[in-house]
N, C-alpha and C. Protein backbone atom coordinates (compact mmCIF):
# COMPACT_ATOMS: atom_id res chain seq x y z
N MET A 1 4.98 14.38 0.49
CA MET A 1 5.24 13.31 -0.89
C MET A 1 4.75 12.22 -0.20
N SER A 2 3.41 10.59 -0.96
CA SER A 2 2.98 9.80 -0.38
C SER A 2 4.51 8.92 -0.21
N ARG A 3 4.09 7.82 0.67
CA ARG A 3 4.96 6.36 -0.01
C ARG A 3 4.65 5.77 -1.55
N TYR A 4 3.78 5.98 -1.79
CA TYR A 4 3.34 5.28 -3.22
C TYR A 4 4.20 6.21 -4.01
N SER A 5 4.53 7.49 -4.20
CA SER A 5 5.06 8.12 -4.82
C SER A 5 6.92 8.11 -5.09
N ILE A 6 6.96 8.08 -3.34
CA ILE A 6 8.92 8.00 -3.23
C ILE A 6 8.64 6.96 -3.82
N ILE A 7 8.16 5.87 -3.76
CA ILE A 7 8.26 4.55 -4.50
C ILE A 7 8.70 4.17 -6.33
N ILE A 8 7.41 5.08 -7.01
CA ILE A 8 7.90 5.35 -8.02
C ILE A 8 8.64 6.33 -8.53
N THR A 9 9.10 7.01 -7.19
CA THR A 9 10.18 8.19 -7.98
C THR A 9 11.24 7.32 -8.28
N ILE A 10 11.30 6.30 -6.95
CA ILE A 10 13.06 5.96 -6.82
C ILE A 10 13.08 4.78 -7.90
N ALA A 11 11.88 4.25 -8.54
CA ALA A 11 11.92 2.88 -10.05
C ALA A 11 12.02 4.08 -11.00
N VAL A 12 11.56 5.64 -11.15
CA VAL A 12 12.34 5.76 -12.27
C VAL A 12 13.64 6.20 -12.42
N TRP A 13 14.18 6.48 -11.42
CA TRP A 13 15.52 6.41 -11.07
C TRP A 13 16.23 5.38 -11.27
N VAL A 14 15.77 4.31 -10.94
CA VAL A 14 16.65 2.81 -11.54
C VAL A 14 16.54 2.89 -12.57
N ILE A 15 15.49 3.55 -13.34
CA ILE A 15 15.37 3.08 -14.90
C ILE A 15 16.34 3.90 -15.70
N ILE A 16 16.02 5.25 -15.31
CA ILE A 16 17.08 6.35 -16.04
C ILE A 16 18.46 6.20 -15.63
N LEU A 17 19.23 5.74 -14.32
CA LEU A 17 20.49 5.55 -14.13
C LEU A 17 21.70 5.09 -14.60
N PRO A 18 21.20 4.20 -14.94
CA PRO A 18 22.20 3.48 -16.25
C PRO A 18 22.83 4.76 -17.76
N PHE A 19 22.11 5.14 -17.29
CA PHE A 19 22.14 6.37 -19.00
C PHE A 19 22.75 7.68 -18.40
N LEU A 20 23.21 7.98 -17.47
CA LEU A 20 23.64 9.21 -16.64
C LEU A 20 25.08 9.03 -16.99
N GLY A 21 25.86 7.89 -17.18
CA GLY A 21 27.24 7.91 -17.38
C GLY A 21 27.57 8.18 -15.71
N PHE A 22 27.69 7.39 -14.89
CA PHE A 22 28.28 7.43 -13.39
C PHE A 22 29.28 5.79 -13.82
N PRO A 23 30.61 6.21 -13.37
CA PRO A 23 31.46 5.09 -12.93
C PRO A 23 30.54 4.27 -12.66
N SER A 24 31.31 2.82 -12.79
CA SER A 24 30.30 1.77 -12.16
C SER A 24 30.45 1.47 -10.99
N PHE A 25 31.72 1.75 -9.96
CA PHE A 25 31.11 1.51 -8.70
C PHE A 25 30.10 2.82 -8.47
N TRP A 26 29.85 3.90 -8.94
CA TRP A 26 28.60 4.80 -8.52
C TRP A 26 27.31 4.11 -8.69
N GLU A 27 27.42 3.82 -9.91
CA GLU A 27 26.17 3.39 -10.57
C GLU A 27 25.39 2.00 -9.61
N THR A 28 26.68 1.34 -9.47
CA THR A 28 26.03 0.23 -8.56
C THR A 28 25.82 0.19 -7.04
N LEU A 29 26.35 1.63 -6.57
CA LEU A 29 25.85 1.62 -4.97
C LEU A 29 24.92 2.35 -4.97
N PHE A 30 24.53 3.54 -6.05
CA PHE A 30 22.92 3.64 -6.37
C PHE A 30 22.04 2.74 -7.18
N LEU A 31 22.23 1.98 -7.50
CA LEU A 31 21.44 1.08 -7.39
C LEU A 31 21.00 0.32 -6.12
N VAL A 32 21.91 -0.14 -5.40
CA VAL A 32 21.85 -0.96 -4.38
C VAL A 32 21.26 -0.43 -3.22
N LEU A 33 21.36 1.33 -3.12
CA LEU A 33 21.09 2.02 -2.24
C LEU A 33 19.28 2.02 -2.90
N SER A 34 19.12 2.39 -4.21
CA SER A 34 17.49 2.71 -4.18
C SER A 34 16.81 1.10 -4.26
N GLY A 35 17.74 0.16 -4.18
CA GLY A 35 17.38 -1.20 -4.40
C GLY A 35 16.39 -1.41 -2.52
N PHE A 36 17.53 -0.73 -1.39
CA PHE A 36 17.06 -0.51 -0.29
C PHE A 36 16.19 0.44 0.11
N GLY A 37 16.38 0.85 -1.02
CA GLY A 37 14.62 2.29 -0.31
C GLY A 37 13.52 1.54 -0.68
N ILE A 38 13.59 0.85 -2.06
CA ILE A 38 11.94 -0.12 -2.31
C ILE A 38 12.04 -0.58 -1.66
N ILE A 39 12.62 -1.31 -0.67
CA ILE A 39 12.22 -2.68 0.04
C ILE A 39 11.76 -2.27 1.46
N PHE A 40 12.35 -0.86 1.92
CA PHE A 40 12.10 -0.02 2.70
C PHE A 40 10.65 0.48 2.93
N TYR A 41 10.48 0.94 1.71
CA TYR A 41 9.27 1.83 1.69
C TYR A 41 7.61 1.06 1.33
N THR A 42 8.15 -0.13 1.13
CA THR A 42 7.49 -1.48 0.45
C THR A 42 7.16 -2.28 2.10
N PHE A 43 7.92 -2.44 2.96
CA PHE A 43 7.67 -2.31 4.17
C PHE A 43 6.97 -1.84 5.10
N MET A 44 6.90 -0.10 5.15
CA MET A 44 6.53 0.65 5.47
C MET A 44 5.26 0.77 5.16
N LEU A 45 4.40 0.45 3.69
CA LEU A 45 3.11 0.43 2.74
C LEU A 45 2.42 -0.97 3.86
N LYS A 46 3.39 -1.83 3.44
CA LYS A 46 2.75 -3.37 4.50
C LYS A 46 2.51 -3.34 5.59
N SER A 47 3.14 -2.52 6.42
CA SER A 47 2.96 -2.13 8.11
C SER A 47 1.60 -1.56 8.94
N GLU A 48 1.76 -0.96 7.40
CA GLU A 48 0.22 0.45 7.49
C GLU A 48 -1.05 0.03 6.78
N SER A 49 -0.25 -1.49 6.36
CA SER A 49 -1.83 -1.89 5.86
C SER A 49 -2.44 -2.82 7.19
N ALA A 50 -1.15 -3.87 7.63
CA ALA A 50 -1.10 -5.19 8.63
C ALA A 50 -2.00 -3.71 9.81
N ASN A 51 -2.03 -2.86 10.30
CA ASN A 51 -2.35 -1.69 10.92
C ASN A 51 -3.40 -1.51 10.89
N GLY A 52 -4.39 -2.32 9.71
CA GLY A 52 -5.77 -1.65 9.41
C GLY A 52 -6.34 -0.60 8.95
N SER A 53 -5.11 0.35 8.52
CA SER A 53 -5.55 1.76 8.26
C SER A 53 -5.88 1.93 7.16
N SER A 54 -6.05 0.78 6.06
CA SER A 54 -6.73 0.78 4.91
C SER A 54 -8.01 0.24 5.19
N TRP A 55 -8.71 0.03 4.15
CA TRP A 55 -10.08 -0.47 3.56
C TRP A 55 -9.74 -2.00 3.97
N SER A 56 -11.28 -2.61 4.11
CA SER A 56 -11.07 -4.13 4.04
C SER A 56 -12.33 -4.70 4.13
N PHE A 57 -12.74 -5.70 3.43
CA PHE A 57 -13.92 -6.33 3.49
C PHE A 57 -13.95 -7.57 4.98
N SER A 58 -15.45 -6.81 5.49
CA SER A 58 -15.74 -8.12 6.81
C SER A 58 -17.07 -7.89 6.63
N LYS A 59 -17.74 -8.52 7.79
CA LYS A 59 -19.64 -8.93 7.88
C LYS A 59 -20.20 -7.73 7.69
N ASP A 60 -19.29 -6.65 8.60
CA ASP A 60 -20.18 -5.72 8.85
C ASP A 60 -20.66 -4.41 7.73
N ASN A 61 -19.55 -4.64 6.94
CA ASN A 61 -19.27 -3.56 5.95
C ASN A 61 -19.49 -4.09 4.23
N ASP A 62 -20.92 -4.56 3.98
CA ASP A 62 -21.95 -5.11 3.26
C ASP A 62 -21.27 -4.32 1.98
N VAL A 63 -20.64 -4.52 0.91
CA VAL A 63 -20.51 -4.00 -1.04
C VAL A 63 -21.76 -3.73 -1.26
N TYR A 64 -22.42 -4.86 -0.99
CA TYR A 64 -23.86 -5.08 -1.83
C TYR A 64 -24.42 -5.49 -0.89
N VAL A 65 -26.07 -4.87 -1.12
CA VAL A 65 -27.17 -5.11 -0.02
C VAL A 65 -28.51 -5.24 -0.64
N GLU A 66 -28.85 -6.31 -0.44
CA GLU A 66 -30.13 -6.08 -0.95
C GLU A 66 -31.14 -5.67 -0.74
N ASN A 67 -32.22 -5.40 -1.87
CA ASN A 67 -33.10 -4.42 -1.55
C ASN A 67 -33.92 -4.64 -0.61
N GLY A 68 -34.10 -3.10 0.68
CA GLY A 68 -34.79 -3.29 2.05
C GLY A 68 -34.69 -4.36 3.18
N ILE A 69 -33.23 -4.78 2.92
CA ILE A 69 -32.33 -5.21 3.76
C ILE A 69 -31.21 -4.89 4.74
N ASP A 70 -31.78 -4.12 5.83
CA ASP A 70 -30.58 -3.64 6.77
C ASP A 70 -30.03 -4.70 8.33
N HIS A 71 -29.30 -5.13 7.70
CA HIS A 71 -28.55 -6.30 8.68
C HIS A 71 -28.02 -5.55 9.98
N ASN A 72 -27.73 -4.15 10.17
CA ASN A 72 -27.45 -3.69 11.18
C ASN A 72 -28.74 -3.75 11.70
N ASN A 73 -30.13 -3.38 11.29
CA ASN A 73 -30.97 -3.25 12.30
C ASN A 73 -31.87 -4.26 12.48
N GLU A 74 -31.49 -5.50 11.46
CA GLU A 74 -31.85 -7.02 12.09
C GLU A 74 -30.79 -7.50 13.23
N LYS A 75 -29.60 -7.36 13.10
CA LYS A 75 -29.22 -7.35 14.82
C LYS A 75 -29.73 -6.70 15.54
N LYS A 76 -30.00 -5.71 15.70
CA LYS A 76 -30.71 -4.62 17.26
C LYS A 76 -31.76 -5.73 17.21
N ILE A 77 -32.28 -5.53 16.46
CA ILE A 77 -33.84 -6.57 16.74
C ILE A 77 -33.48 -8.08 17.37
N GLN A 78 -32.59 -8.39 16.91
CA GLN A 78 -32.44 -9.91 17.85
C GLN A 78 -31.96 -9.95 19.06
N LYS A 79 -30.76 -8.81 19.24
CA LYS A 79 -30.21 -8.23 20.25
C LYS A 79 -31.66 -7.96 21.72
N GLN A 80 -32.33 -7.33 21.14
CA GLN A 80 -33.71 -6.73 21.64
C GLN A 80 -34.63 -7.67 22.22
N LYS A 81 -34.53 -9.06 21.52
CA LYS A 81 -35.84 -10.15 21.63
C LYS A 81 -35.04 -11.23 22.98
């Protein structure tokens, strides 16, 4: 199960929890633990993206390239000169 689906599952749990009929102490405890779970997995996702495991924009990875222009090839030619 991915971290995203775990966060979604905990969020759905928080939504349906008030309708399940738990005593107020247990309901409060489950809500607090669910909140900590969401915080924990959010920090895990944040640290994963900070490590560079997700994609990002940079000058070397152009999303749009004009017709006939190859920046990597131009850099190689400039280094050879």
